[in-house]
Amino acid sequence: MWKMGAEEIQNSPIPVPPLEVQQRIVDMVKEMRARIAEERNAAEARQARVVREVEEMILGIRAIG
């Protein structure tokens, strides 16, 4: 079985997409990260609301159900 040595690896070309494609990838990643942040914030807000509602039920401030 043939193995590549460090020199072959070092001298192997690495394909790089054109700059326009790289920019589109960066834009997509930024958009996805923003959406993830929005979803995380929404989940944290829902969690806080549920905790508050459960506490209100325990204290008798809110009806159960």
PDB file of N, CA and C in Angstrom:
ATOM      1  N   MET A   1       0.849  -1.174   0.000  1.00  0.00           N
ATOM      2  CA  MET A   1       0.000   0.000   0.000  1.00  0.00           C
ATOM      3  C   MET A   1       0.897   1.240   0.000  1.00  0.00           C
ATOM      4  N   TRP A   2       0.599   2.156  -0.894  1.00  0.00           N
ATOM      5  CA  TRP A   2       1.395   3.367  -1.021  1.00  0.00           C
ATOM      6  C   TRP A   2       0.949   4.388   0.024  1.00  0.00           C
ATOM      7  N   LYS A   3       1.910   5.030   0.663  1.00  0.00           N
ATOM      8  CA  LYS A   3       1.599   6.053   1.661  1.00  0.00           C
ATOM      9  C   LYS A   3       2.226   7.368   1.242  1.00  0.00           C
ATOM     10  N   MET A   4       1.517   8.440   1.553  1.00  0.00           N
ATOM     11  CA  MET A   4       2.069   9.776   1.282  1.00  0.00           C
ATOM     12  C   MET A   4       2.913  10.191   2.469  1.00  0.00           C
ATOM     13  N   GLY A   5       4.083  10.706   2.172  1.00  0.00           N
ATOM     14  CA  GLY A   5       4.931  11.219   3.221  1.00  0.00           C
ATOM     15  C   GLY A   5       4.666  12.705   3.446  1.00  0.00           C
ATOM     16  N   ALA A   6       5.332  13.265   4.433  1.00  0.00           N
ATOM     17  CA  ALA A   6       5.142  14.672   4.774  1.00  0.00           C
ATOM     18  C   ALA A   6       5.463  15.579   3.591  1.00  0.00           C
ATOM     19  N   GLU A   7       6.493  15.247   2.819  1.00  0.00           N
ATOM     20  CA  GLU A   7       6.871  16.089   1.685  1.00  0.00           C
ATOM     21  C   GLU A   7       5.793  16.090   0.606  1.00  0.00           C
ATOM     22  N   GLU A   8       5.226  14.903   0.319  1.00  0.00           N
ATOM     23  CA  GLU A   8       4.150  14.838  -0.679  1.00  0.00           C
ATOM     24  C   GLU A   8       2.934  15.634  -0.222  1.00  0.00           C
ATOM     25  N   ILE A   9       2.633  15.508   1.057  1.00  0.00           N
ATOM     26  CA  ILE A   9       1.488  16.254   1.595  1.00  0.00           C
ATOM     27  C   ILE A   9       1.756  17.753   1.510  1.00  0.00           C
ATOM     28  N   GLN A  10       2.956  18.160   1.893  1.00  0.00           N
ATOM     29  CA  GLN A  10       3.306  19.574   1.874  1.00  0.00           C
ATOM     30  C   GLN A  10       3.257  20.149   0.465  1.00  0.00           C
ATOM     31  N   ASN A  11       3.594  19.365  -0.522  1.00  0.00           N
ATOM     32  CA  ASN A  11       3.636  19.846  -1.897  1.00  0.00           C
ATOM     33  C   ASN A  11       2.336  19.625  -2.671  1.00  0.00           C
ATOM     34  N   SER A  12       1.349  19.040  -2.024  1.00  0.00           N
ATOM     35  CA  SER A  12       0.069  18.790  -2.702  1.00  0.00           C
ATOM     36  C   SER A  12      -0.750  20.081  -2.751  1.00  0.00           C
ATOM     37  N   PRO A  13      -1.314  20.364  -3.913  1.00  0.00           N
ATOM     38  CA  PRO A  13      -2.137  21.576  -4.004  1.00  0.00           C
ATOM     39  C   PRO A  13      -3.453  21.393  -3.246  1.00  0.00           C
ATOM     40  N   ILE A  14      -3.918  22.458  -2.651  1.00  0.00           N
ATOM     41  CA  ILE A  14      -5.200  22.447  -1.948  1.00  0.00           C
ATOM     42  C   ILE A  14      -6.166  23.274  -2.776  1.00  0.00           C
ATOM     43  N   PRO A  15      -7.239  22.630  -3.256  1.00  0.00           N
ATOM     44  CA  PRO A  15      -8.192  23.387  -4.074  1.00  0.00           C
ATOM     45  C   PRO A  15      -8.940  24.421  -3.228  1.00  0.00           C
ATOM     46  N   VAL A  16      -9.016  25.612  -3.741  1.00  0.00           N
ATOM     47  CA  VAL A  16      -9.703  26.703  -3.054  1.00  0.00           C
ATOM     48  C   VAL A  16     -10.760  27.261  -4.005  1.00  0.00           C
ATOM     49  N   PRO A  17     -12.005  27.381  -3.525  1.00  0.00           N
ATOM     50  CA  PRO A  17     -13.041  27.924  -4.409  1.00  0.00           C
ATOM     51  C   PRO A  17     -12.765  29.388  -4.739  1.00  0.00           C
ATOM     52  N   PRO A  18     -13.351  29.878  -5.819  1.00  0.00           N
ATOM     53  CA  PRO A  18     -13.169  31.289  -6.176  1.00  0.00           C
ATOM     54  C   PRO A  18     -13.640  32.201  -5.034  1.00  0.00           C
ATOM     55  N   LEU A  19     -13.119  33.404  -5.009  1.00  0.00           N
ATOM     56  CA  LEU A  19     -13.425  34.355  -3.943  1.00  0.00           C
ATOM     57  C   LEU A  19     -14.926  34.590  -3.801  1.00  0.00           C
ATOM     58  N   GLU A  20     -15.647  34.666  -4.915  1.00  0.00           N
ATOM     59  CA  GLU A  20     -17.095  34.886  -4.870  1.00  0.00           C
ATOM     60  C   GLU A  20     -17.792  33.749  -4.130  1.00  0.00           C
ATOM     61  N   VAL A  21     -17.371  32.529  -4.370  1.00  0.00           N
ATOM     62  CA  VAL A  21     -17.959  31.369  -3.694  1.00  0.00           C
ATOM     63  C   VAL A  21     -17.600  31.400  -2.216  1.00  0.00           C
ATOM     64  N   GLN A  22     -16.369  31.749  -1.901  1.00  0.00           N
ATOM     65  CA  GLN A  22     -15.955  31.859  -0.503  1.00  0.00           C
ATOM     66  C   GLN A  22     -16.816  32.886   0.228  1.00  0.00           C
ATOM     67  N   GLN A  23     -17.092  34.023  -0.421  1.00  0.00           N
ATOM     68  CA  GLN A  23     -17.899  35.067   0.211  1.00  0.00           C
ATOM     69  C   GLN A  23     -19.325  34.585   0.452  1.00  0.00           C
ATOM     70  N   ARG A  24     -19.883  33.838  -0.512  1.00  0.00           N
ATOM     71  CA  ARG A  24     -21.238  33.299  -0.337  1.00  0.00           C
ATOM     72  C   ARG A  24     -21.277  32.333   0.841  1.00  0.00           C
ATOM     73  N   ILE A  25     -20.237  31.527   0.984  1.00  0.00           N
ATOM     74  CA  ILE A  25     -20.162  30.595   2.116  1.00  0.00           C
ATOM     75  C   ILE A  25     -20.111  31.366   3.425  1.00  0.00           C
ATOM     76  N   VAL A  26     -19.285  32.399   3.473  1.00  0.00           N
ATOM     77  CA  VAL A  26     -19.181  33.223   4.686  1.00  0.00           C
ATOM     78  C   VAL A  26     -20.528  33.858   5.007  1.00  0.00           C
ATOM     79  N   ASP A  27     -21.215  34.384   4.002  1.00  0.00           N
ATOM     80  CA  ASP A  27     -22.527  34.994   4.217  1.00  0.00           C
ATOM     81  C   ASP A  27     -23.530  33.981   4.759  1.00  0.00           C
ATOM     82  N   MET A  28     -23.507  32.765   4.206  1.00  0.00           N
ATOM     83  CA  MET A  28     -24.421  31.722   4.680  1.00  0.00           C
ATOM     84  C   MET A  28     -24.135  31.367   6.136  1.00  0.00           C
ATOM     85  N   VAL A  29     -22.867  31.255   6.482  1.00  0.00           N
ATOM     86  CA  VAL A  29     -22.491  30.918   7.856  1.00  0.00           C
ATOM     87  C   VAL A  29     -22.940  32.026   8.806  1.00  0.00           C
ATOM     88  N   LYS A  30     -22.740  33.291   8.413  1.00  0.00           N
ATOM     89  CA  LYS A  30     -23.168  34.411   9.255  1.00  0.00           C
ATOM     90  C   LYS A  30     -24.675  34.386   9.460  1.00  0.00           C
ATOM     91  N   GLU A  31     -25.415  34.116   8.392  1.00  0.00           N
ATOM     92  CA  GLU A  31     -26.875  34.058   8.484  1.00  0.00           C
ATOM     93  C   GLU A  31     -27.317  32.925   9.406  1.00  0.00           C
ATOM     94  N   MET A  32     -26.686  31.772   9.271  1.00  0.00           N
ATOM     95  CA  MET A  32     -27.036  30.640  10.132  1.00  0.00           C
ATOM     96  C   MET A  32     -26.718  30.932  11.593  1.00  0.00           C
ATOM     97  N   ARG A  33     -25.585  31.567  11.837  1.00  0.00           N
ATOM     98  CA  ARG A  33     -25.230  31.906  13.220  1.00  0.00           C
ATOM     99  C   ARG A  33     -26.227  32.898  13.818  1.00  0.00           C
ATOM    100  N   ALA A  34     -26.689  33.841  13.009  1.00  0.00           N
ATOM    101  CA  ALA A  34     -27.687  34.800  13.486  1.00  0.00           C
ATOM    102  C   ALA A  34     -28.995  34.083  13.808  1.00  0.00           C
ATOM    103  N   ARG A  35     -29.398  33.150  12.959  1.00  0.00           N
ATOM    104  CA  ARG A  35     -30.626  32.397  13.209  1.00  0.00           C
ATOM    105  C   ARG A  35     -30.502  31.539  14.460  1.00  0.00           C
ATOM    106  N   ILE A  36     -29.334  30.952  14.649  1.00  0.00           N
ATOM    107  CA  ILE A  36     -29.094  30.149  15.859  1.00  0.00           C
ATOM    108  C   ILE A  36     -29.200  31.029  17.095  1.00  0.00           C
ATOM    109  N   ALA A  37     -28.624  32.221  17.041  1.00  0.00           N
ATOM    110  CA  ALA A  37     -28.692  33.144  18.180  1.00  0.00           C
ATOM    111  C   ALA A  37     -30.142  33.534  18.467  1.00  0.00           C
ATOM    112  N   GLU A  38     -30.920  33.787  17.419  1.00  0.00           N
ATOM    113  CA  GLU A  38     -32.337  34.120  17.607  1.00  0.00           C
ATOM    114  C   GLU A  38     -33.088  32.963  18.253  1.00  0.00           C
ATOM    115  N   GLU A  39     -32.848  31.760  17.780  1.00  0.00           N
ATOM    116  CA  GLU A  39     -33.519  30.583  18.343  1.00  0.00           C
ATOM    117  C   GLU A  39     -33.102  30.368  19.795  1.00  0.00           C
ATOM    118  N   ARG A  40     -31.827  30.567  20.081  1.00  0.00           N
ATOM    119  CA  ARG A  40     -31.348  30.399  21.457  1.00  0.00           C
ATOM    120  C   ARG A  40     -32.005  31.430  22.373  1.00  0.00           C
ATOM    121  N   ASN A  41     -32.087  32.676  21.916  1.00  0.00           N
ATOM    122  CA  ASN A  41     -32.732  33.713  22.724  1.00  0.00           C
ATOM    123  C   ASN A  41     -34.206  33.399  22.944  1.00  0.00           C
ATOM    124  N   ALA A  42     -34.888  32.921  21.909  1.00  0.00           N
ATOM    125  CA  ALA A  42     -36.302  32.567  22.043  1.00  0.00           C
ATOM    126  C   ALA A  42     -36.474  31.412  23.028  1.00  0.00           C
ATOM    127  N   ALA A  43     -35.599  30.425  22.962  1.00  0.00           N
ATOM    128  CA  ALA A  43     -35.677  29.290  23.886  1.00  0.00           C
ATOM    129  C   ALA A  43     -35.433  29.731  25.326  1.00  0.00           C
ATOM    130  N   GLU A  44     -34.483  30.625  25.522  1.00  0.00           N
ATOM    131  CA  GLU A  44     -34.210  31.125  26.870  1.00  0.00           C
ATOM    132  C   GLU A  44     -35.394  31.915  27.402  1.00  0.00           C
ATOM    133  N   ALA A  45     -36.043  32.692  26.544  1.00  0.00           N
ATOM    134  CA  ALA A  45     -37.216  33.454  26.963  1.00  0.00           C
ATOM    135  C   ALA A  45     -38.364  32.509  27.334  1.00  0.00           C
ATOM    136  N   ARG A  46     -38.567  31.455  26.530  1.00  0.00           N
ATOM    137  CA  ARG A  46     -39.614  30.474  26.848  1.00  0.00           C
ATOM    138  C   ARG A  46     -39.318  29.776  28.166  1.00  0.00           C
ATOM    139  N   GLN A  47     -38.058  29.425  28.378  1.00  0.00           N
ATOM    140  CA  GLN A  47     -37.678  28.761  29.621  1.00  0.00           C
ATOM    141  C   GLN A  47     -37.957  29.666  30.820  1.00  0.00           C
ATOM    142  N   ALA A  48     -37.599  30.930  30.718  1.00  0.00           N
ATOM    143  CA  ALA A  48     -37.842  31.876  31.808  1.00  0.00           C
ATOM    144  C   ALA A  48     -39.340  32.023  32.065  1.00  0.00           C
ATOM    145  N   ARG A  49     -40.150  32.067  30.986  1.00  0.00           N
ATOM    146  CA  ARG A  49     -41.595  32.189  31.142  1.00  0.00           C
ATOM    147  C   ARG A  49     -42.165  30.961  31.848  1.00  0.00           C
ATOM    148  N   VAL A  50     -41.706  29.780  31.466  1.00  0.00           N
ATOM    149  CA  VAL A  50     -42.207  28.550  32.085  1.00  0.00           C
ATOM    150  C   VAL A  50     -41.835  28.521  33.564  1.00  0.00           C
ATOM    151  N   VAL A  51     -40.615  28.875  33.889  1.00  0.00           N
ATOM    152  CA  VAL A  51     -40.189  28.902  35.292  1.00  0.00           C
ATOM    153  C   VAL A  51     -41.067  29.868  36.081  1.00  0.00           C
ATOM    154  N   ARG A  52     -41.306  31.043  35.526  1.00  0.00           N
ATOM    155  CA  ARG A  52     -42.147  32.039  36.198  1.00  0.00           C
ATOM    156  C   ARG A  52     -43.567  31.502  36.393  1.00  0.00           C
ATOM    157  N   GLU A  53     -44.133  30.882  35.361  1.00  0.00           N
ATOM    158  CA  GLU A  53     -45.495  30.367  35.454  1.00  0.00           C
ATOM    159  C   GLU A  53     -45.595  29.246  36.483  1.00  0.00           C
ATOM    160  N   VAL A  54     -44.607  28.363  36.532  1.00  0.00           N
ATOM    161  CA  VAL A  54     -44.614  27.282  37.515  1.00  0.00           C
ATOM    162  C   VAL A  54     -44.524  27.864  38.927  1.00  0.00           C
ATOM    163  N   GLU A  55     -43.667  28.844  39.121  1.00  0.00           N
ATOM    164  CA  GLU A  55     -43.564  29.485  40.432  1.00  0.00           C
ATOM    165  C   GLU A  55     -44.892  30.121  40.827  1.00  0.00           C
ATOM    166  N   GLU A  56     -45.560  30.757  39.869  1.00  0.00           N
ATOM    167  CA  GLU A  56     -46.861  31.372  40.153  1.00  0.00           C
ATOM    168  C   GLU A  56     -47.895  30.312  40.523  1.00  0.00           C
ATOM    169  N   MET A  57     -47.849  29.159  39.875  1.00  0.00           N
ATOM    170  CA  MET A  57     -48.769  28.073  40.222  1.00  0.00           C
ATOM    171  C   MET A  57     -48.490  27.549  41.624  1.00  0.00           C
ATOM    172  N   ILE A  58     -47.206  27.404  41.945  1.00  0.00           N
ATOM    173  CA  ILE A  58     -46.831  26.925  43.281  1.00  0.00           C
ATOM    174  C   ILE A  58     -47.292  27.911  44.343  1.00  0.00           C
ATOM    175  N   LEU A  59     -47.184  29.194  44.078  1.00  0.00           N
ATOM    176  CA  LEU A  59     -47.570  30.226  45.035  1.00  0.00           C
ATOM    177  C   LEU A  59     -49.068  30.489  45.041  1.00  0.00           C
ATOM    178  N   GLY A  60     -49.797  29.882  44.107  1.00  0.00           N
ATOM    179  CA  GLY A  60     -51.236  30.073  44.053  1.00  0.00           C
ATOM    180  C   GLY A  60     -51.650  31.341  43.333  1.00  0.00           C
ATOM    181  N   ILE A  61     -50.742  32.004  42.670  1.00  0.00           N
ATOM    182  CA  ILE A  61     -51.046  33.235  41.938  1.00  0.00           C
ATOM    183  C   ILE A  61     -51.698  32.913  40.597  1.00  0.00           C
ATOM    184  N   ARG A  62     -51.341  31.763  40.042  1.00  0.00           N
ATOM    185  CA  ARG A  62     -51.837  31.353  38.735  1.00  0.00           C
ATOM    186  C   ARG A  62     -52.576  30.024  38.909  1.00  0.00           C
ATOM    187  N   ALA A  63     -53.672  29.901  38.192  1.00  0.00           N
ATOM    188  CA  ALA A  63     -54.431  28.651  38.221  1.00  0.00           C
ATOM    189  C   ALA A  63     -53.667  27.579  37.474  1.00  0.00           C
ATOM    190  N   ILE A  64     -53.771  26.352  37.940  1.00  0.00           N
ATOM    191  CA  ILE A  64     -53.127  25.231  37.283  1.00  0.00           C
ATOM    192  C   ILE A  64     -54.013  24.791  36.128  1.00  0.00           C
ATOM    193  N   GLY A  65     -53.396  24.669  34.972  1.00  0.00           N
ATOM    194  CA  GLY A  65     -54.158  24.188  33.817  1.00  0.00           C
ATOM    195  C   GLY A  65     -54.176  25.133  32.743  1.00  0.00           C
TER     196      GLY A  65
END
